[in-house]
Amino acid sequence: MAHRRAFLDGRAGTSEDWLDRCERAAARVAAGKKFLVVDGVGFPSVGSVCGTSNAAVAARLRAPVVVVAKSGVGGAVDAVDLAATYFEHAGVPVLGCVLNNAPAEGFYARDAVLGPLSAHFATSRRALYGVAPVSDALAGLRDAAATDAAVDADAGAAHVRRHVDVDRALADAARDPWNAKRRPAAPADAAPPVDAAGLRAAIQATAAKAGAATAPGK
């Protein structure tokens, strides 16, 4: 609370100062890495009082977003749409969502909601990357990790891998226009890609003119 008041009083820099710091920190962490996952804090507008909402940070970092929301059916879809709209209003692309903390059993159990949710998101421009159930083995892990750097995160990673299509999320992120622009340009002297179909057609046309017989597709 104190730092927010300091910001509003003009004693803690400007929004641009803080966004610049976020950008420099992300660049430092990303150095030498294939990809960087930036974990937003809370809901999309957290930090807006300082001009540093999750959407503002994502826009500065040119980072596409995966929304993480609580599981359910109607309420889950509503929450994803609300969050996604906020990001998209800031010009940030939303790739899709992960729904978390599905009950182990009952009406809203993971197995009960996965079918209806998959059907909904199959008609949406946003992907459903997975529905992760509650796990007793992970209880308290987040709080423990906040105070103990030696906490073993392998169990959490395995849980995510089991229930979330991480490979698809990474592939979608790589195809996102912002990330596509980051790919290294081909060397100036690199040979252009071969148009196999065009080359085959040209060879067949030349052979036909010379009177040779060619088999289709050969």
C-alpha atoms as a PDB file:
ATOM      1  CA  MET A   1       0.000   0.000   0.000  1.00  0.00           C
ATOM      2  CA  ALA A   2       2.802   2.421   0.930  1.00  0.00           C
ATOM      3  CA  HIS A   3       4.586   2.149  -2.417  1.00  0.00           C
ATOM      4  CA  ARG A   4       1.321   2.793  -4.277  1.00  0.00           C
ATOM      5  CA  ARG A   5       0.784   5.972  -2.290  1.00  0.00           C
ATOM      6  CA  ALA A   6       4.384   6.952  -2.917  1.00  0.00           C
ATOM      7  CA  PHE A   7       3.793   6.514  -6.638  1.00  0.00           C
ATOM      8  CA  LEU A   8       0.644   8.622  -6.580  1.00  0.00           C
ATOM      9  CA  ASP A   9       2.513  11.277  -4.588  1.00  0.00           C
ATOM     10  CA  GLY A  10       5.179  11.375  -7.289  1.00  0.00           C
ATOM     11  CA  ARG A  11       7.883   9.932  -5.045  1.00  0.00           C
ATOM     12  CA  ALA A  12       8.383   6.586  -6.810  1.00  0.00           C
ATOM     13  CA  GLY A  13       9.079   7.409 -10.431  1.00  0.00           C
ATOM     14  CA  THR A  14       6.735   7.163 -13.391  1.00  0.00           C
ATOM     15  CA  SER A  15       4.900   4.333 -15.087  1.00  0.00           C
ATOM     16  CA  GLU A  16       7.464   4.425 -17.880  1.00  0.00           C
ATOM     17  CA  ASP A  17      10.270   4.081 -15.331  1.00  0.00           C
ATOM     18  CA  TRP A  18       8.704   0.920 -13.928  1.00  0.00           C
ATOM     19  CA  LEU A  19       7.868  -0.556 -17.325  1.00  0.00           C
ATOM     20  CA  ASP A  20      11.458   0.085 -18.411  1.00  0.00           C
ATOM     21  CA  ARG A  21      12.668  -1.786 -15.331  1.00  0.00           C
ATOM     22  CA  CYS A  22      10.359  -4.708 -16.173  1.00  0.00           C
ATOM     23  CA  GLU A  23      11.683  -4.777 -19.722  1.00  0.00           C
ATOM     24  CA  ARG A  24      15.316  -4.742 -18.608  1.00  0.00           C
ATOM     25  CA  ALA A  25      14.688  -7.469 -16.017  1.00  0.00           C
ATOM     26  CA  ALA A  26      12.942  -9.684 -18.574  1.00  0.00           C
ATOM     27  CA  ALA A  27      15.774  -9.190 -21.076  1.00  0.00           C
ATOM     28  CA  ARG A  28      18.336 -10.090 -18.398  1.00  0.00           C
ATOM     29  CA  VAL A  29      16.515 -13.283 -17.400  1.00  0.00           C
ATOM     30  CA  ALA A  30      15.835 -14.258 -21.032  1.00  0.00           C
ATOM     31  CA  ALA A  31      19.467 -13.941 -22.126  1.00  0.00           C
ATOM     32  CA  GLY A  32      20.601 -17.271 -23.560  1.00  0.00           C
ATOM     33  CA  LYS A  33      17.187 -18.883 -23.106  1.00  0.00           C
ATOM     34  CA  LYS A  34      14.929 -20.404 -25.771  1.00  0.00           C
ATOM     35  CA  PHE A  35      11.830 -18.946 -24.166  1.00  0.00           C
ATOM     36  CA  LEU A  36      10.768 -16.928 -21.129  1.00  0.00           C
ATOM     37  CA  VAL A  37       7.567 -17.450 -19.155  1.00  0.00           C
ATOM     38  CA  VAL A  38       6.420 -14.311 -17.332  1.00  0.00           C
ATOM     39  CA  ASP A  39       4.057 -15.057 -14.453  1.00  0.00           C
ATOM     40  CA  GLY A  40       1.470 -12.317 -14.021  1.00  0.00           C
ATOM     41  CA  VAL A  41       0.350 -11.469 -10.490  1.00  0.00           C
ATOM     42  CA  GLY A  42      -3.329 -11.824  -9.657  1.00  0.00           C
ATOM     43  CA  PHE A  43      -5.919 -10.645 -12.158  1.00  0.00           C
ATOM     44  CA  PRO A  44      -5.188  -8.716 -15.393  1.00  0.00           C
ATOM     45  CA  SER A  45      -5.542  -5.179 -14.019  1.00  0.00           C
ATOM     46  CA  VAL A  46      -3.338  -5.616 -10.934  1.00  0.00           C
ATOM     47  CA  GLY A  47      -0.859  -2.733 -10.867  1.00  0.00           C
ATOM     48  CA  SER A  48      -3.013  -0.378 -12.938  1.00  0.00           C
ATOM     49  CA  VAL A  49      -2.871   2.269 -10.206  1.00  0.00           C
ATOM     50  CA  CYS A  50       0.807   2.646 -11.171  1.00  0.00           C
ATOM     51  CA  GLY A  51       0.252   2.178 -14.900  1.00  0.00           C
ATOM     52  CA  THR A  52       1.884  -1.231 -14.666  1.00  0.00           C
ATOM     53  CA  SER A  53      -1.010  -3.666 -14.950  1.00  0.00           C
ATOM     54  CA  ASN A  54      -0.323  -7.173 -16.172  1.00  0.00           C
ATOM     55  CA  ALA A  55      -1.670  -6.057 -19.538  1.00  0.00           C
ATOM     56  CA  ALA A  56       0.667  -3.038 -19.627  1.00  0.00           C
ATOM     57  CA  VAL A  57       3.669  -5.212 -18.766  1.00  0.00           C
ATOM     58  CA  ALA A  58       2.706  -7.822 -21.364  1.00  0.00           C
ATOM     59  CA  ALA A  59       2.355  -5.088 -23.982  1.00  0.00           C
ATOM     60  CA  ARG A  60       5.762  -3.635 -23.118  1.00  0.00           C
ATOM     61  CA  LEU A  61       7.390  -7.085 -23.265  1.00  0.00           C
ATOM     62  CA  ARG A  62       5.436  -7.997 -26.414  1.00  0.00           C
ATOM     63  CA  ALA A  63       4.421 -11.202 -24.680  1.00  0.00           C
ATOM     64  CA  PRO A  64       1.326 -13.153 -25.765  1.00  0.00           C
ATOM     65  CA  VAL A  65      -0.836 -14.318 -22.871  1.00  0.00           C
ATOM     66  CA  VAL A  66      -2.210 -17.599 -21.572  1.00  0.00           C
ATOM     67  CA  VAL A  67      -5.003 -16.915 -19.080  1.00  0.00           C
ATOM     68  CA  VAL A  68      -5.068 -19.128 -15.977  1.00  0.00           C
ATOM     69  CA  ALA A  69      -8.519 -19.255 -14.366  1.00  0.00           C
ATOM     70  CA  LYS A  70     -10.367 -21.411 -11.888  1.00  0.00           C
ATOM     71  CA  SER A  71     -12.042 -24.450 -13.344  1.00  0.00           C
ATOM     72  CA  GLY A  72     -15.773 -24.846 -13.818  1.00  0.00           C
ATOM     73  CA  VAL A  73     -17.961 -24.544 -16.897  1.00  0.00           C
ATOM     74  CA  GLY A  74     -19.969 -21.361 -17.376  1.00  0.00           C
ATOM     75  CA  GLY A  75     -18.085 -19.429 -14.713  1.00  0.00           C
ATOM     76  CA  ALA A  76     -14.738 -20.567 -16.110  1.00  0.00           C
ATOM     77  CA  VAL A  77     -15.609 -19.450 -19.637  1.00  0.00           C
ATOM     78  CA  ASP A  78     -16.913 -16.123 -18.288  1.00  0.00           C
ATOM     79  CA  ALA A  79     -13.691 -15.543 -16.340  1.00  0.00           C
ATOM     80  CA  VAL A  80     -11.490 -16.341 -19.340  1.00  0.00           C
ATOM     81  CA  ASP A  81     -13.504 -14.057 -21.624  1.00  0.00           C
ATOM     82  CA  LEU A  82     -13.371 -11.192 -19.114  1.00  0.00           C
ATOM     83  CA  ALA A  83      -9.614 -11.505 -18.597  1.00  0.00           C
ATOM     84  CA  ALA A  84      -8.910 -11.959 -22.309  1.00  0.00           C
ATOM     85  CA  THR A  85     -10.952  -8.879 -23.204  1.00  0.00           C
ATOM     86  CA  TYR A  86      -8.876  -6.752 -20.830  1.00  0.00           C
ATOM     87  CA  PHE A  87      -5.614  -7.914 -22.381  1.00  0.00           C
ATOM     88  CA  GLU A  88      -6.900  -7.573 -25.931  1.00  0.00           C
ATOM     89  CA  HIS A  89      -8.093  -4.034 -25.205  1.00  0.00           C
ATOM     90  CA  ALA A  90      -4.443  -3.243 -24.455  1.00  0.00           C
ATOM     91  CA  GLY A  91      -3.425  -4.805 -27.779  1.00  0.00           C
ATOM     92  CA  VAL A  92      -2.065  -7.987 -26.206  1.00  0.00           C
ATOM     93  CA  PRO A  93      -2.889 -11.259 -28.012  1.00  0.00           C
ATOM     94  CA  VAL A  94      -4.412 -14.011 -25.864  1.00  0.00           C
ATOM     95  CA  LEU A  95      -3.459 -17.497 -27.046  1.00  0.00           C
ATOM     96  CA  GLY A  96      -5.804 -19.436 -24.806  1.00  0.00           C
ATOM     97  CA  CYS A  97      -6.271 -20.613 -21.257  1.00  0.00           C
ATOM     98  CA  VAL A  98      -5.501 -23.187 -18.586  1.00  0.00           C
ATOM     99  CA  LEU A  99      -8.198 -23.935 -16.022  1.00  0.00           C
ATOM    100  CA  ASN A 100      -6.890 -24.792 -12.587  1.00  0.00           C
ATOM    101  CA  ASN A 101      -8.017 -26.431  -9.344  1.00  0.00           C
ATOM    102  CA  ALA A 102     -10.766 -28.654 -10.747  1.00  0.00           C
ATOM    103  CA  PRO A 103     -12.309 -30.728  -7.940  1.00  0.00           C
ATOM    104  CA  ALA A 104     -11.273 -34.353  -7.669  1.00  0.00           C
ATOM    105  CA  GLU A 105     -14.887 -35.511  -7.797  1.00  0.00           C
ATOM    106  CA  GLY A 106     -18.446 -34.253  -8.140  1.00  0.00           C
ATOM    107  CA  PHE A 107     -20.382 -32.231 -10.694  1.00  0.00           C
ATOM    108  CA  TYR A 108     -17.389 -30.030 -11.561  1.00  0.00           C
ATOM    109  CA  ALA A 109     -14.718 -32.733 -11.456  1.00  0.00           C
ATOM    110  CA  ARG A 110     -12.093 -32.542 -14.186  1.00  0.00           C
ATOM    111  CA  ASP A 111     -13.410 -35.552 -16.096  1.00  0.00           C
ATOM    112  CA  ALA A 112     -16.961 -34.138 -15.946  1.00  0.00           C
ATOM    113  CA  VAL A 113     -16.110 -30.685 -17.317  1.00  0.00           C
ATOM    114  CA  LEU A 114     -13.362 -31.528 -19.814  1.00  0.00           C
ATOM    115  CA  GLY A 115     -15.779 -32.604 -22.568  1.00  0.00           C
ATOM    116  CA  PRO A 116     -18.085 -29.545 -22.481  1.00  0.00           C
ATOM    117  CA  LEU A 117     -15.142 -27.157 -22.154  1.00  0.00           C
ATOM    118  CA  SER A 118     -13.283 -28.773 -25.054  1.00  0.00           C
ATOM    119  CA  ALA A 119     -16.414 -28.469 -27.200  1.00  0.00           C
ATOM    120  CA  HIS A 120     -16.750 -24.779 -26.345  1.00  0.00           C
ATOM    121  CA  PHE A 121     -13.143 -23.835 -26.975  1.00  0.00           C
ATOM    122  CA  ALA A 122     -13.079 -25.838 -30.213  1.00  0.00           C
ATOM    123  CA  THR A 123     -15.350 -23.095 -31.591  1.00  0.00           C
ATOM    124  CA  SER A 124     -13.355 -20.271 -30.014  1.00  0.00           C
ATOM    125  CA  ARG A 125     -10.328 -18.432 -31.326  1.00  0.00           C
ATOM    126  CA  ARG A 126      -8.721 -19.151 -27.956  1.00  0.00           C
ATOM    127  CA  ALA A 127      -7.278 -22.559 -27.130  1.00  0.00           C
ATOM    128  CA  LEU A 128      -7.947 -24.658 -24.069  1.00  0.00           C
ATOM    129  CA  TYR A 129      -4.532 -26.021 -23.113  1.00  0.00           C
ATOM    130  CA  GLY A 130      -5.727 -28.095 -20.198  1.00  0.00           C
ATOM    131  CA  VAL A 131      -7.760 -28.513 -17.034  1.00  0.00           C
ATOM    132  CA  ALA A 132      -5.620 -29.234 -13.976  1.00  0.00           C
ATOM    133  CA  PRO A 133      -7.225 -30.921 -10.957  1.00  0.00           C
ATOM    134  CA  VAL A 134      -6.536 -30.232  -7.312  1.00  0.00           C
ATOM    135  CA  SER A 135      -3.641 -32.319  -5.988  1.00  0.00           C
ATOM    136  CA  ASP A 136      -3.101 -33.068  -2.318  1.00  0.00           C
ATOM    137  CA  ALA A 137       0.565 -33.692  -3.111  1.00  0.00           C
ATOM    138  CA  LEU A 138       0.969 -30.038  -4.097  1.00  0.00           C
ATOM    139  CA  ALA A 139      -0.809 -28.543  -1.078  1.00  0.00           C
ATOM    140  CA  GLY A 140       1.255 -25.704   0.384  1.00  0.00           C
ATOM    141  CA  LEU A 141       3.939 -25.915  -2.298  1.00  0.00           C
ATOM    142  CA  ARG A 142       3.543 -22.297  -3.420  1.00  0.00           C
ATOM    143  CA  ASP A 143       3.862 -20.914   0.110  1.00  0.00           C
ATOM    144  CA  ALA A 144       6.849 -23.155   0.778  1.00  0.00           C
ATOM    145  CA  ALA A 145       8.567 -22.035  -2.407  1.00  0.00           C
ATOM    146  CA  ALA A 146       8.142 -18.394  -1.396  1.00  0.00           C
ATOM    147  CA  THR A 147      10.328 -18.918   1.668  1.00  0.00           C
ATOM    148  CA  ASP A 148      12.560 -21.824   0.682  1.00  0.00           C
ATOM    149  CA  ALA A 149      14.553 -21.703  -2.537  1.00  0.00           C
ATOM    150  CA  ALA A 150      15.434 -25.386  -2.121  1.00  0.00           C
ATOM    151  CA  VAL A 151      11.841 -26.606  -2.528  1.00  0.00           C
ATOM    152  CA  ASP A 152      11.650 -29.371  -5.146  1.00  0.00           C
ATOM    153  CA  ALA A 153       9.330 -28.187  -7.921  1.00  0.00           C
ATOM    154  CA  ASP A 154       9.469 -31.448  -9.884  1.00  0.00           C
ATOM    155  CA  ALA A 155       6.101 -32.633  -8.546  1.00  0.00           C
ATOM    156  CA  GLY A 156       4.421 -29.421  -9.676  1.00  0.00           C
ATOM    157  CA  ALA A 157       6.047 -29.582 -13.090  1.00  0.00           C
ATOM    158  CA  ALA A 158       4.972 -33.202 -13.544  1.00  0.00           C
ATOM    159  CA  HIS A 159       1.397 -32.311 -12.561  1.00  0.00           C
ATOM    160  CA  VAL A 160       1.299 -29.533 -15.161  1.00  0.00           C
ATOM    161  CA  ARG A 161       2.785 -31.774 -17.840  1.00  0.00           C
ATOM    162  CA  ARG A 162       0.212 -34.455 -17.088  1.00  0.00           C
ATOM    163  CA  HIS A 163      -2.797 -32.186 -17.470  1.00  0.00           C
ATOM    164  CA  VAL A 164      -1.688 -29.277 -19.674  1.00  0.00           C
ATOM    165  CA  ASP A 165      -0.597 -29.407 -23.314  1.00  0.00           C
ATOM    166  CA  VAL A 166       2.573 -27.403 -22.748  1.00  0.00           C
ATOM    167  CA  ASP A 167       3.993 -28.254 -26.175  1.00  0.00           C
ATOM    168  CA  ARG A 168       0.942 -26.820 -27.922  1.00  0.00           C
ATOM    169  CA  ALA A 169       1.086 -23.647 -25.838  1.00  0.00           C
ATOM    170  CA  LEU A 170       4.766 -23.139 -26.689  1.00  0.00           C
ATOM    171  CA  ALA A 171       4.115 -23.838 -30.373  1.00  0.00           C
ATOM    172  CA  ASP A 172       1.253 -21.310 -30.421  1.00  0.00           C
ATOM    173  CA  ALA A 173       3.453 -18.755 -28.677  1.00  0.00           C
ATOM    174  CA  ALA A 174       6.223 -19.308 -31.223  1.00  0.00           C
ATOM    175  CA  ARG A 175       3.760 -18.689 -34.063  1.00  0.00           C
ATOM    176  CA  ASP A 176       2.404 -15.539 -32.473  1.00  0.00           C
ATOM    177  CA  PRO A 177       3.209 -12.467 -34.631  1.00  0.00           C
ATOM    178  CA  TRP A 178       5.218 -10.808 -31.856  1.00  0.00           C
ATOM    179  CA  ASN A 179       7.454 -13.843 -31.389  1.00  0.00           C
ATOM    180  CA  ALA A 180       7.670 -14.581 -35.101  1.00  0.00           C
ATOM    181  CA  LYS A 181       9.251 -11.161 -35.585  1.00  0.00           C
ATOM    182  CA  ARG A 182      11.953 -12.086 -33.071  1.00  0.00           C
ATOM    183  CA  ARG A 183      13.220 -15.010 -35.142  1.00  0.00           C
ATOM    184  CA  PRO A 184      16.677 -14.387 -36.589  1.00  0.00           C
ATOM    185  CA  ALA A 185      16.591 -13.248 -40.191  1.00  0.00           C
ATOM    186  CA  ALA A 186      18.093 -15.538 -42.808  1.00  0.00           C
ATOM    187  CA  PRO A 187      21.639 -14.560 -43.899  1.00  0.00           C
ATOM    188  CA  ALA A 188      21.694 -12.193 -46.866  1.00  0.00           C
ATOM    189  CA  ASP A 189      23.466 -14.789 -49.006  1.00  0.00           C
ATOM    190  CA  ALA A 190      21.199 -17.674 -47.975  1.00  0.00           C
ATOM    191  CA  ALA A 191      19.636 -19.600 -50.822  1.00  0.00           C
ATOM    192  CA  PRO A 192      15.895 -19.077 -51.200  1.00  0.00           C
ATOM    193  CA  PRO A 193      13.680 -22.016 -50.179  1.00  0.00           C
ATOM    194  CA  VAL A 194      13.070 -24.551 -52.927  1.00  0.00           C
ATOM    195  CA  ASP A 195       9.560 -24.638 -54.387  1.00  0.00           C
ATOM    196  CA  ALA A 196       9.405 -28.419 -54.888  1.00  0.00           C
ATOM    197  CA  ALA A 197       6.012 -28.426 -56.606  1.00  0.00           C
ATOM    198  CA  GLY A 198       6.987 -25.623 -58.970  1.00  0.00           C
ATOM    199  CA  LEU A 199      10.306 -27.252 -59.764  1.00  0.00           C
ATOM    200  CA  ARG A 200       8.594 -30.569 -60.535  1.00  0.00           C
ATOM    201  CA  ALA A 201       6.082 -28.835 -62.840  1.00  0.00           C
ATOM    202  CA  ALA A 202       8.862 -27.018 -64.698  1.00  0.00           C
ATOM    203  CA  ILE A 203      10.806 -30.247 -65.216  1.00  0.00           C
ATOM    204  CA  GLN A 204       7.714 -32.053 -66.476  1.00  0.00           C
ATOM    205  CA  ALA A 205       6.870 -29.208 -68.829  1.00  0.00           C
ATOM    206  CA  THR A 206      10.389 -29.213 -70.261  1.00  0.00           C
ATOM    207  CA  ALA A 207      10.313 -33.019 -70.630  1.00  0.00           C
ATOM    208  CA  ALA A 208       6.922 -32.877 -72.362  1.00  0.00           C
ATOM    209  CA  LYS A 209       8.234 -30.365 -74.895  1.00  0.00           C
ATOM    210  CA  ALA A 210      11.131 -32.730 -75.605  1.00  0.00           C
ATOM    211  CA  GLY A 211       8.691 -35.600 -76.168  1.00  0.00           C
ATOM    212  CA  ALA A 212       9.520 -37.580 -73.038  1.00  0.00           C
ATOM    213  CA  ALA A 213       6.862 -39.373 -71.008  1.00  0.00           C
ATOM    214  CA  THR A 214       6.536 -38.430 -67.363  1.00  0.00           C
ATOM    215  CA  ALA A 215       4.588 -40.202 -64.652  1.00  0.00           C
ATOM    216  CA  PRO A 216       2.374 -37.927 -62.526  1.00  0.00           C
ATOM    217  CA  GLY A 217       4.014 -36.902 -59.268  1.00  0.00           C
ATOM    218  CA  LYS A 218       7.397 -38.271 -60.252  1.00  0.00           C
END
